[in-house]
Amino acid sequence: MLMIRLQRIGRKNDPAFRAVLTDSKNSTKSGKFLEILGTYNAKAGVIALKGDRITYWMSKGAQVSDTMHNFLVKEKIITAKKKNVLSKKSPTKKRKDVKAGK
């Protein structure tokens, strides 16, 4: 199954991502992809996506990761609700027996 997702590029402490079309079996860090569909610079917050190619591959049956789905909604390439991409772990609980400042 084809998947459109983000692949991290860039140096340590300088995150940048590529939106790539890849097989879902490939690891995100494998470097294997079929086509580059855009970029995302996390520090600058700049998103550059090829909307026509993304819609083409989605029409051919490519699935989109949750984060990529939210980027497509933000850039108005698709019309849908954003998905929750936060961790599904239970929230951390504050301990009552610890006093503040000690």
N, C-alpha and C. Protein backbone atom coordinates (compact mmCIF):
# COMPACT_ATOMS: atom_id res chain seq x y z
N MET A 1 0.83 -1.17 0.00
CA MET A 1 0.00 0.00 0.00
C MET A 1 0.89 1.25 0.00
N LEU A 2 0.56 2.20 -0.83
CA LEU A 2 1.32 3.44 -0.90
C LEU A 2 0.90 4.38 0.23
N MET A 3 1.89 5.14 0.74
CA MET A 3 1.65 6.00 1.89
C MET A 3 2.32 7.35 1.64
N ILE A 4 1.62 8.42 1.96
CA ILE A 4 2.21 9.76 1.90
C ILE A 4 2.48 10.16 3.35
N ARG A 5 3.75 10.37 3.66
CA ARG A 5 4.12 10.72 5.03
C ARG A 5 5.36 11.59 5.05
N LEU A 6 5.71 12.05 6.25
CA LEU A 6 6.87 12.91 6.41
C LEU A 6 8.12 12.07 6.66
N GLN A 7 9.23 12.51 6.10
CA GLN A 7 10.53 11.87 6.30
C GLN A 7 11.48 12.95 6.79
N ARG A 8 12.10 12.72 7.94
CA ARG A 8 12.98 13.73 8.51
C ARG A 8 14.28 13.82 7.73
N ILE A 9 14.66 15.05 7.43
CA ILE A 9 15.96 15.34 6.86
C ILE A 9 16.52 16.49 7.69
N GLY A 10 17.72 16.89 7.43
CA GLY A 10 18.27 18.01 8.19
C GLY A 10 19.16 17.53 9.32
N ARG A 11 19.87 18.47 9.89
CA ARG A 11 20.85 18.15 10.91
C ARG A 11 20.23 18.08 12.30
N LYS A 12 21.05 17.71 13.25
CA LYS A 12 20.63 17.67 14.64
C LYS A 12 20.25 19.08 15.09
N ASN A 13 19.16 19.21 15.80
CA ASN A 13 18.62 20.48 16.28
C ASN A 13 18.21 21.43 15.16
N ASP A 14 18.08 20.94 13.95
CA ASP A 14 17.60 21.75 12.83
C ASP A 14 16.63 20.89 12.01
N PRO A 15 15.43 20.64 12.56
CA PRO A 15 14.53 19.69 11.90
C PRO A 15 13.93 20.24 10.60
N ALA A 16 13.96 19.40 9.60
CA ALA A 16 13.30 19.68 8.33
C ALA A 16 12.75 18.35 7.84
N PHE A 17 11.66 18.41 7.09
CA PHE A 17 10.99 17.19 6.67
C PHE A 17 10.67 17.26 5.19
N ARG A 18 10.60 16.08 4.57
CA ARG A 18 10.12 15.93 3.20
C ARG A 18 8.80 15.19 3.25
N ALA A 19 7.85 15.59 2.45
CA ALA A 19 6.63 14.82 2.26
C ALA A 19 6.93 13.87 1.11
N VAL A 20 6.89 12.57 1.38
CA VAL A 20 7.28 11.59 0.37
C VAL A 20 6.17 10.56 0.16
N LEU A 21 6.17 9.99 -1.03
CA LEU A 21 5.32 8.85 -1.36
C LEU A 21 6.18 7.62 -1.25
N THR A 22 5.78 6.69 -0.40
CA THR A 22 6.57 5.49 -0.16
C THR A 22 5.65 4.31 0.07
N ASP A 23 6.23 3.13 0.06
CA ASP A 23 5.48 1.93 0.40
C ASP A 23 5.32 1.90 1.92
N SER A 24 4.18 1.50 2.40
CA SER A 24 3.93 1.51 3.85
C SER A 24 4.84 0.53 4.59
N LYS A 25 5.39 -0.45 3.89
CA LYS A 25 6.28 -1.42 4.52
C LYS A 25 7.65 -0.82 4.83
N ASN A 26 8.04 0.24 4.09
CA ASN A 26 9.34 0.86 4.33
C ASN A 26 9.34 1.61 5.65
N SER A 27 10.47 1.55 6.33
CA SER A 27 10.64 2.31 7.55
C SER A 27 10.69 3.80 7.22
N THR A 28 10.35 4.65 8.17
CA THR A 28 10.39 6.08 7.91
C THR A 28 11.82 6.57 7.73
N LYS A 29 12.78 5.84 8.30
CA LYS A 29 14.17 6.26 8.20
C LYS A 29 14.96 5.48 7.14
N SER A 30 14.28 4.65 6.36
CA SER A 30 14.98 3.83 5.38
C SER A 30 15.54 4.65 4.22
N GLY A 31 14.89 5.76 3.90
CA GLY A 31 15.34 6.59 2.79
C GLY A 31 14.76 6.19 1.46
N LYS A 32 13.98 5.10 1.42
CA LYS A 32 13.39 4.65 0.16
C LYS A 32 12.05 5.36 -0.05
N PHE A 33 11.91 5.99 -1.19
CA PHE A 33 10.65 6.63 -1.53
C PHE A 33 10.50 6.67 -3.04
N LEU A 34 9.28 6.88 -3.50
CA LEU A 34 9.00 6.91 -4.93
C LEU A 34 9.02 8.33 -5.49
N GLU A 35 8.53 9.28 -4.70
CA GLU A 35 8.45 10.66 -5.19
C GLU A 35 8.44 11.63 -4.01
N ILE A 36 9.09 12.77 -4.18
CA ILE A 36 9.05 13.84 -3.18
C ILE A 36 7.85 14.73 -3.52
N LEU A 37 6.97 14.91 -2.53
CA LEU A 37 5.74 15.65 -2.76
C LEU A 37 5.71 17.00 -2.06
N GLY A 38 6.78 17.37 -1.37
CA GLY A 38 6.81 18.66 -0.71
C GLY A 38 7.83 18.68 0.41
N THR A 39 7.92 19.84 1.08
CA THR A 39 8.85 19.99 2.20
C THR A 39 8.16 20.74 3.33
N TYR A 40 8.75 20.60 4.52
CA TYR A 40 8.26 21.30 5.71
C TYR A 40 9.46 21.66 6.56
N ASN A 41 9.67 22.96 6.77
CA ASN A 41 10.74 23.43 7.64
C ASN A 41 10.12 23.72 9.00
N ALA A 42 10.47 22.93 10.00
CA ALA A 42 9.83 23.02 11.31
C ALA A 42 10.22 24.30 12.05
N LYS A 43 11.46 24.75 11.92
CA LYS A 43 11.87 25.96 12.64
C LYS A 43 11.19 27.20 12.07
N ALA A 44 11.13 27.31 10.77
CA ALA A 44 10.51 28.48 10.14
C ALA A 44 9.01 28.32 10.01
N GLY A 45 8.50 27.09 10.10
CA GLY A 45 7.08 26.84 9.95
C GLY A 45 6.59 26.95 8.52
N VAL A 46 7.49 26.75 7.57
CA VAL A 46 7.15 26.89 6.15
C VAL A 46 6.76 25.53 5.58
N ILE A 47 5.57 25.48 4.97
CA ILE A 47 5.09 24.25 4.35
C ILE A 47 4.98 24.49 2.85
N ALA A 48 5.64 23.65 2.05
CA ALA A 48 5.55 23.75 0.59
C ALA A 48 5.17 22.38 0.05
N LEU A 49 3.94 22.24 -0.42
CA LEU A 49 3.44 20.96 -0.89
C LEU A 49 3.01 21.06 -2.35
N LYS A 50 3.18 19.96 -3.09
CA LYS A 50 2.72 19.87 -4.47
C LYS A 50 1.29 19.29 -4.45
N GLY A 51 0.33 20.19 -4.39
CA GLY A 51 -1.07 19.78 -4.22
C GLY A 51 -1.60 18.91 -5.34
N ASP A 52 -1.21 19.22 -6.59
CA ASP A 52 -1.72 18.44 -7.71
C ASP A 52 -1.20 17.00 -7.68
N ARG A 53 0.06 16.82 -7.33
CA ARG A 53 0.63 15.47 -7.25
C ARG A 53 0.06 14.69 -6.07
N ILE A 54 -0.19 15.37 -4.97
CA ILE A 54 -0.76 14.70 -3.79
C ILE A 54 -2.17 14.22 -4.10
N THR A 55 -2.99 15.07 -4.72
CA THR A 55 -4.35 14.64 -5.06
C THR A 55 -4.34 13.53 -6.10
N TYR A 56 -3.36 13.57 -7.02
CA TYR A 56 -3.24 12.50 -8.01
C TYR A 56 -2.98 11.16 -7.32
N TRP A 57 -2.00 11.13 -6.41
CA TRP A 57 -1.66 9.88 -5.75
C TRP A 57 -2.76 9.42 -4.81
N MET A 58 -3.47 10.36 -4.19
CA MET A 58 -4.59 9.97 -3.34
C MET A 58 -5.71 9.36 -4.18
N SER A 59 -5.90 9.85 -5.41
CA SER A 59 -6.91 9.27 -6.29
C SER A 59 -6.52 7.87 -6.74
N LYS A 60 -5.21 7.58 -6.75
CA LYS A 60 -4.73 6.24 -7.10
C LYS A 60 -4.75 5.29 -5.92
N GLY A 61 -5.15 5.78 -4.72
CA GLY A 61 -5.29 4.90 -3.57
C GLY A 61 -4.24 5.07 -2.49
N ALA A 62 -3.39 6.07 -2.59
CA ALA A 62 -2.37 6.27 -1.56
C ALA A 62 -3.02 6.78 -0.27
N GLN A 63 -2.61 6.24 0.85
CA GLN A 63 -3.11 6.66 2.15
C GLN A 63 -2.22 7.80 2.67
N VAL A 64 -2.75 8.59 3.59
CA VAL A 64 -2.03 9.74 4.13
C VAL A 64 -1.87 9.54 5.63
N SER A 65 -0.67 9.84 6.16
CA SER A 65 -0.47 9.75 7.61
C SER A 65 -1.29 10.84 8.30
N ASP A 66 -1.50 10.72 9.60
CA ASP A 66 -2.34 11.67 10.32
C ASP A 66 -1.75 13.08 10.29
N THR A 67 -0.46 13.20 10.50
CA THR A 67 0.18 14.52 10.48
C THR A 67 0.11 15.13 9.09
N MET A 68 0.35 14.32 8.09
CA MET A 68 0.27 14.80 6.72
C MET A 68 -1.16 15.22 6.38
N HIS A 69 -2.15 14.47 6.89
CA HIS A 69 -3.56 14.82 6.70
C HIS A 69 -3.83 16.22 7.26
N ASN A 70 -3.30 16.51 8.45
CA ASN A 70 -3.51 17.82 9.06
C ASN A 70 -2.85 18.93 8.25
N PHE A 71 -1.68 18.67 7.66
CA PHE A 71 -1.04 19.65 6.80
C PHE A 71 -1.88 19.92 5.55
N LEU A 72 -2.45 18.87 4.98
CA LEU A 72 -3.28 19.03 3.78
C LEU A 72 -4.54 19.82 4.07
N VAL A 73 -5.12 19.62 5.26
CA VAL A 73 -6.29 20.40 5.66
C VAL A 73 -5.90 21.86 5.86
N LYS A 74 -4.75 22.08 6.50
CA LYS A 74 -4.28 23.45 6.76
C LYS A 74 -4.01 24.21 5.46
N GLU A 75 -3.44 23.52 4.48
CA GLU A 75 -3.12 24.15 3.20
C GLU A 75 -4.31 24.15 2.24
N LYS A 76 -5.47 23.63 2.70
CA LYS A 76 -6.71 23.59 1.91
C LYS A 76 -6.58 22.77 0.63
N ILE A 77 -5.77 21.72 0.69
CA ILE A 77 -5.66 20.80 -0.44
C ILE A 77 -6.81 19.80 -0.39
N ILE A 78 -7.19 19.40 0.84
CA ILE A 78 -8.37 18.56 1.04
C ILE A 78 -9.29 19.24 2.04
N THR A 79 -10.55 18.90 2.01
CA THR A 79 -11.50 19.46 2.97
C THR A 79 -11.93 18.33 3.90
N ALA A 80 -11.52 18.45 5.15
CA ALA A 80 -11.87 17.47 6.17
C ALA A 80 -11.55 18.07 7.53
N LYS A 81 -11.89 17.35 8.58
CA LYS A 81 -11.52 17.78 9.91
C LYS A 81 -10.10 17.32 10.21
N LYS A 82 -9.41 18.07 11.06
CA LYS A 82 -8.09 17.66 11.47
C LYS A 82 -8.20 16.46 12.41
N LYS A 83 -7.16 15.63 12.40
CA LYS A 83 -7.12 14.44 13.26
C LYS A 83 -6.25 14.73 14.47
N ASN A 84 -6.56 14.06 15.58
CA ASN A 84 -5.76 14.21 16.79
C ASN A 84 -4.50 13.36 16.64
N VAL A 85 -3.34 14.00 16.70
CA VAL A 85 -2.08 13.28 16.54
C VAL A 85 -1.30 13.22 17.84
N LEU A 86 -1.89 13.68 18.93
CA LEU A 86 -1.20 13.63 20.22
C LEU A 86 -1.13 12.19 20.72
N SER A 87 -0.25 11.97 21.64
CA SER A 87 -0.06 10.64 22.21
C SER A 87 -1.34 10.15 22.85
N LYS A 88 -1.57 8.86 22.73
CA LYS A 88 -2.78 8.27 23.29
C LYS A 88 -2.59 7.83 24.73
N LYS A 89 -1.43 8.12 25.31
CA LYS A 89 -1.17 7.77 26.69
C LYS A 89 -2.06 8.59 27.61
N SER A 90 -2.29 8.08 28.80
CA SER A 90 -3.09 8.83 29.75
C SER A 90 -2.28 10.04 30.23
N PRO A 91 -2.94 11.14 30.54
CA PRO A 91 -2.21 12.33 30.97
C PRO A 91 -1.50 12.10 32.30
N THR A 92 -0.42 12.82 32.51
CA THR A 92 0.32 12.66 33.76
C THR A 92 -0.49 13.25 34.90
N LYS A 93 -0.41 12.60 36.05
CA LYS A 93 -1.17 13.04 37.21
C LYS A 93 -0.22 13.73 38.18
N LYS A 94 -0.70 14.83 38.75
CA LYS A 94 0.10 15.56 39.72
C LYS A 94 -0.03 14.89 41.07
N ARG A 95 1.09 14.81 41.77
CA ARG A 95 1.08 14.24 43.12
C ARG A 95 0.70 15.34 44.11
N LYS A 96 -0.16 15.01 45.05
CA LYS A 96 -0.62 15.99 46.01
C LYS A 96 0.29 16.10 47.22
N ASP A 97 1.10 15.06 47.49
CA ASP A 97 1.92 15.08 48.70
C ASP A 97 3.21 15.89 48.54
N VAL A 98 3.55 16.30 47.34
CA VAL A 98 4.75 17.10 47.10
C VAL A 98 4.38 18.57 47.20
N LYS A 99 5.10 19.31 48.09
CA LYS A 99 4.82 20.74 48.25
C LYS A 99 5.64 21.53 47.26
N ALA A 100 5.10 22.59 46.77
CA ALA A 100 5.77 23.42 45.78
C ALA A 100 6.95 24.15 46.41
N GLY A 101 8.07 24.16 45.72
CA GLY A 101 9.24 24.91 46.17
C GLY A 101 10.15 24.12 47.08
N LYS A 102 9.86 22.89 47.45
CA LYS A 102 10.74 22.11 48.33
C LYS A 102 11.26 20.90 47.64
